[in-house]
Amino acid sequence: GSGDAAAAGAAAAPVRDKSVKDGAPLTKTKLFTQGTEGSWTEIGVGVAFVMYETPANSDLEGVDDTIACNPSDSPAAVRLTSLENVGKAAASAVKLGIPPRLVIEALDGDDESDVRETLLSTPVSPEDIYQVQKGTILIWTDPELARDMAASFHSPDGCRFITSQIEGYRVAVAREHSEQQGQRKGNGSLHSGGSDTANLESPWAVTRQNLAALRLAVQTNKQRFANMIRETPVFGTRLLTLFKECRENA
């Protein structure tokens, strides 16, 4: 499954390149993909950023610390130059229903300020598919590309700059999901599992209605499941209770 592939990728992740020049862009990275035989193939060296679409009257319109990505294209899009507005950018993406995109644009070998072809452009997933190894290597199984990918960053700060935006979007999606569940509950919908687990991010909410998504999450992300059991005692307790209820009512 994709979880097994991601785990395999984590175990064999490429070591980041240390032979980089001082003054390289903060998010300079080497992009790799993993073949069916398990070996990593380098795609290229580039600069990573998270791109947010900004149609007219977007919440990000006129916000400081943003740079236009494609000013001649439509729709317009921006990337952040600091983490100050991550929450606003993520909330805007959720409100618009347009996921931000993780983009890596190639760097010219002779001039690091010369950005050329796009090495990667893929929607940021709200699911828990991203792992960081050694503080500088971002690994994920990409749902759109159906491939295991790895971005080996020049520095931990560069990796953190990207992963903070990915996590910001995931948190915003989970918050929106939680608010929608609360509205449905307020309208009289049944919600088994209790308030303790209702606040857990989807797809890890321990409810009867969420069983299918929960089962898939466990199958595809065993490491995350183990962490949930270890770090969130109420999660394991509620899970056992839910399984017992399902068995009794079967």
Protein backbone atom coordinates (compact mmCIF):
# COMPACT_ATOMS: atom_id res chain seq x y z
CA GLY A 1 0.00 0.00 0.00
CA SER A 2 1.04 3.66 -0.11
CA GLY A 3 1.91 3.55 3.60
CA ASP A 4 4.32 0.67 3.02
CA ALA A 5 5.81 2.53 0.07
CA ALA A 6 6.26 5.66 2.14
CA ALA A 7 7.89 3.68 4.93
CA ALA A 8 10.22 2.03 2.43
CA GLY A 9 11.04 5.43 1.03
CA ALA A 10 11.80 6.77 4.50
CA ALA A 11 14.20 3.92 5.16
CA ALA A 12 16.13 4.49 1.94
CA ALA A 13 15.85 8.28 1.74
CA PRO A 14 18.67 10.03 -0.11
CA VAL A 15 21.16 11.93 2.03
CA ARG A 16 20.96 15.66 1.41
CA ASP A 17 23.63 17.24 -0.72
CA LYS A 18 26.19 19.08 1.43
CA SER A 19 28.16 20.53 -1.51
CA VAL A 20 26.01 23.62 -1.93
CA LYS A 21 27.18 27.18 -2.23
CA ASP A 22 26.66 29.70 0.57
CA GLY A 23 23.80 32.05 -0.14
CA ALA A 24 21.69 29.41 -1.85
CA PRO A 25 17.92 30.02 -1.77
CA LEU A 26 16.38 29.05 1.57
CA THR A 27 14.24 26.30 0.04
CA LYS A 28 16.81 24.94 -2.38
CA THR A 29 16.21 21.21 -2.71
CA LYS A 30 17.01 18.11 -4.69
CA LEU A 31 13.93 16.28 -5.94
CA PHE A 32 13.93 12.48 -6.13
CA THR A 33 11.41 9.82 -7.11
CA GLN A 34 11.48 6.16 -6.16
CA GLY A 35 11.21 3.51 -8.86
CA THR A 36 9.40 0.20 -8.63
CA GLU A 37 12.69 -1.53 -7.77
CA GLY A 38 13.09 0.70 -4.70
CA SER A 39 16.00 2.87 -5.84
CA TRP A 40 15.86 6.66 -5.85
CA THR A 41 16.33 8.65 -9.05
CA GLU A 42 17.23 12.33 -8.97
CA ILE A 43 14.88 14.53 -10.98
CA GLY A 44 16.75 17.77 -10.50
CA VAL A 45 17.74 20.66 -8.22
CA GLY A 46 15.32 23.49 -7.66
CA VAL A 47 13.60 25.93 -5.35
CA ALA A 48 10.48 24.76 -3.51
CA PHE A 49 7.50 26.89 -2.58
CA VAL A 50 3.84 26.49 -1.75
CA MET A 51 1.58 28.28 -4.24
CA TYR A 52 -1.83 29.69 -3.27
CA GLU A 53 -4.35 30.76 -5.88
CA THR A 54 -5.68 34.28 -5.36
CA PRO A 55 -8.74 35.06 -7.47
CA ALA A 56 -10.31 38.50 -7.25
CA ASN A 57 -11.32 39.48 -3.70
CA SER A 58 -9.26 36.66 -2.22
CA ASP A 59 -8.40 36.92 1.48
CA LEU A 60 -4.74 37.04 0.40
CA GLU A 61 -5.22 39.99 -1.93
CA GLY A 62 -2.87 42.77 -0.82
CA VAL A 63 -1.37 40.74 2.04
CA ASP A 64 2.25 41.55 2.86
CA ASP A 65 5.01 38.94 2.55
CA THR A 66 3.66 37.45 -0.67
CA ILE A 67 5.15 37.28 -4.17
CA ALA A 68 3.18 36.74 -7.35
CA CYS A 69 3.95 33.35 -8.92
CA ASN A 70 2.37 33.79 -12.32
CA PRO A 71 1.31 37.44 -12.74
CA SER A 72 0.60 36.96 -16.45
CA ASP A 73 -1.60 33.92 -15.94
CA SER A 74 -5.14 33.49 -14.70
CA PRO A 75 -5.97 32.73 -11.98
CA ALA A 76 -3.36 34.71 -10.12
CA ALA A 77 -1.31 32.91 -7.49
CA VAL A 78 1.15 33.90 -4.78
CA ARG A 79 3.77 32.31 -2.56
CA LEU A 80 4.72 33.37 0.95
CA THR A 81 8.04 34.95 1.83
CA SER A 82 7.57 34.43 5.57
CA LEU A 83 5.50 32.20 7.82
CA GLU A 84 3.62 35.12 9.36
CA ASN A 85 0.54 34.63 7.16
CA VAL A 86 0.47 30.82 6.94
CA GLY A 87 -2.82 30.63 8.83
CA LYS A 88 -4.47 33.22 6.60
CA ALA A 89 -3.17 31.57 3.43
CA ALA A 90 -4.34 28.13 4.53
CA ALA A 91 -7.77 29.41 5.58
CA SER A 92 -8.12 31.18 2.22
CA ALA A 93 -7.34 27.95 0.36
CA VAL A 94 -9.95 26.03 2.37
CA LYS A 95 -12.54 28.77 1.88
CA LEU A 96 -11.95 28.76 -1.88
CA GLY A 97 -11.90 24.96 -2.04
CA ILE A 98 -8.61 25.14 -3.98
CA PRO A 99 -5.72 23.24 -2.36
CA PRO A 100 -2.36 25.02 -2.42
CA ARG A 101 0.27 23.39 -4.62
CA LEU A 102 3.75 22.22 -3.71
CA VAL A 103 5.94 23.50 -6.53
CA ILE A 104 9.63 22.96 -7.25
CA GLU A 105 11.13 25.04 -10.04
CA ALA A 106 14.51 24.08 -11.48
CA LEU A 107 17.56 26.23 -10.89
CA ASP A 108 19.99 27.01 -13.65
CA GLY A 109 23.33 25.39 -12.90
CA ASP A 110 25.30 28.59 -13.52
CA ASP A 111 22.97 31.17 -12.05
CA GLU A 112 20.96 30.29 -8.96
CA SER A 113 18.72 33.34 -9.48
CA ASP A 114 17.59 32.03 -12.87
CA VAL A 115 14.50 29.89 -12.35
CA ARG A 116 13.54 27.69 -15.28
CA GLU A 117 11.39 24.60 -15.80
CA THR A 118 8.92 23.23 -13.28
CA LEU A 119 10.17 19.97 -11.77
CA LEU A 120 7.09 19.40 -9.62
CA SER A 121 3.62 20.88 -9.22
CA THR A 122 1.22 18.84 -7.12
CA PRO A 123 -1.70 19.67 -4.78
CA VAL A 124 -0.90 19.68 -1.08
CA SER A 125 -2.82 16.80 0.49
CA PRO A 126 -4.82 17.33 3.69
CA GLU A 127 -4.09 13.70 4.59
CA ASP A 128 -1.21 12.62 6.80
CA ILE A 129 1.11 11.47 4.01
CA TYR A 130 4.20 13.60 4.69
CA GLN A 131 7.23 12.54 6.73
CA VAL A 132 10.43 14.43 7.56
CA GLN A 133 13.68 12.51 7.93
CA LYS A 134 16.89 13.95 9.45
CA GLY A 135 15.28 17.38 9.58
CA THR A 136 15.93 18.08 5.91
CA ILE A 137 14.26 15.35 3.83
CA LEU A 138 10.55 15.53 3.05
CA ILE A 139 9.10 12.20 1.89
CA TRP A 140 5.60 11.42 0.72
CA THR A 141 3.60 9.11 -1.52
CA ASP A 142 1.94 11.52 -3.92
CA PRO A 143 -1.75 10.70 -4.56
CA GLU A 144 -1.87 12.63 -7.86
CA LEU A 145 1.41 11.31 -9.23
CA ALA A 146 0.98 7.84 -7.68
CA ARG A 147 4.71 7.84 -6.92
CA ASP A 148 6.97 8.01 -3.88
CA MET A 149 8.72 11.38 -3.83
CA ALA A 150 11.49 12.94 -1.73
CA ALA A 151 12.74 16.51 -1.49
CA SER A 152 16.18 16.78 0.11
CA PHE A 153 16.58 20.36 1.34
CA HIS A 154 19.77 22.39 1.63
CA SER A 155 18.91 23.32 5.23
CA PRO A 156 16.54 22.39 8.06
CA ASP A 157 15.10 25.93 7.91
CA GLY A 158 14.18 25.46 4.27
CA CYS A 159 12.50 22.14 4.97
CA ARG A 160 10.65 23.66 7.93
CA PHE A 161 9.48 26.61 5.82
CA ILE A 162 7.72 24.23 3.43
CA THR A 163 6.43 21.69 5.95
CA SER A 164 4.99 24.47 8.15
CA GLN A 165 2.80 25.54 5.23
CA ILE A 166 1.76 21.96 4.48
CA GLU A 167 0.83 21.44 8.13
CA GLY A 168 -0.95 24.80 8.20
CA TYR A 169 -3.20 23.69 5.35
CA ARG A 170 -3.85 20.30 6.97
CA VAL A 171 -4.82 22.00 10.23
CA ALA A 172 -7.15 24.40 8.40
CA VAL A 173 -8.88 21.51 6.61
CA ALA A 174 -9.24 19.58 9.88
CA ARG A 175 -10.67 22.68 11.58
CA GLU A 176 -13.20 23.13 8.79
CA HIS A 177 -14.14 19.45 9.01
CA SER A 178 -14.56 19.71 12.78
CA GLU A 179 -16.76 22.80 12.46
CA GLN A 180 -18.95 21.07 9.89
CA GLN A 181 -19.30 18.05 12.18
CA GLY A 182 -20.24 20.37 15.04
CA GLN A 183 -22.92 22.01 12.91
CA ARG A 184 -24.35 18.63 11.92
CA LYS A 185 -24.32 17.54 15.55
CA GLY A 186 -26.08 20.76 16.52
CA ASN A 187 -28.73 19.99 13.93
CA GLY A 188 -29.47 16.67 15.60
CA SER A 189 -27.18 14.27 13.73
CA LEU A 190 -25.91 11.30 15.72
CA HIS A 191 -22.18 11.37 16.48
CA SER A 192 -20.85 8.38 18.39
CA GLY A 193 -17.42 8.35 19.96
CA GLY A 194 -17.68 11.32 22.31
CA SER A 195 -16.36 14.87 22.25
CA ASP A 196 -12.81 13.80 23.07
CA THR A 197 -12.37 12.12 19.71
CA ALA A 198 -14.56 14.46 17.70
CA ASN A 199 -11.70 16.94 17.87
CA LEU A 200 -9.19 14.52 16.35
CA GLU A 201 -8.24 15.40 12.81
CA SER A 202 -9.94 13.50 10.01
CA PRO A 203 -9.53 10.68 9.05
CA TRP A 204 -8.59 9.67 12.61
CA ALA A 205 -11.90 10.65 14.24
CA VAL A 206 -13.11 7.60 16.18
CA THR A 207 -16.77 7.51 15.17
CA ARG A 208 -19.05 4.90 13.66
CA GLN A 209 -19.62 7.15 10.64
CA ASN A 210 -15.87 7.44 10.06
CA LEU A 211 -15.02 3.72 10.24
CA ALA A 212 -14.25 3.32 6.54
CA ALA A 213 -11.88 6.30 6.47
CA LEU A 214 -10.31 5.24 9.76
CA ARG A 215 -9.66 1.72 8.48
CA LEU A 216 -8.03 3.09 5.33
CA ALA A 217 -5.90 5.49 7.38
CA VAL A 218 -4.65 2.63 9.57
CA GLN A 219 -3.82 0.47 6.55
CA THR A 220 -1.96 3.18 4.67
CA ASN A 221 -0.15 4.91 7.55
CA LYS A 222 0.87 2.37 10.17
CA GLN A 223 3.51 4.68 11.66
CA ARG A 224 0.97 7.44 12.27
CA PHE A 225 -1.41 4.89 13.79
CA ALA A 226 1.33 3.69 16.17
CA ASN A 227 2.05 7.28 17.16
CA MET A 228 -1.64 7.95 17.81
CA ILE A 229 -1.87 4.90 20.09
CA ARG A 230 1.30 5.86 21.96
CA GLU A 231 0.79 9.62 22.24
CA THR A 232 -3.01 9.90 22.56
CA PRO A 233 -4.27 7.39 25.16
CA VAL A 234 -7.90 8.41 24.66
CA PHE A 235 -7.59 7.43 20.99
CA GLY A 236 -6.83 3.77 21.81
CA THR A 237 -9.48 3.65 24.52
CA ARG A 238 -12.20 5.05 22.26
CA LEU A 239 -11.09 2.78 19.43
CA LEU A 240 -11.50 -0.35 21.57
CA THR A 241 -14.87 0.88 22.79
CA LEU A 242 -16.06 1.52 19.25
CA PHE A 243 -14.93 -1.91 18.06
CA LYS A 244 -16.73 -3.52 20.99
CA GLU A 245 -19.93 -1.62 20.17
CA CYS A 246 -19.73 -2.63 16.52
CA ARG A 247 -19.20 -6.29 17.45
CA GLU A 248 -22.16 -6.27 19.83
CA ASN A 249 -24.44 -4.58 17.31
CA ALA A 250 -23.33 -6.66 14.33
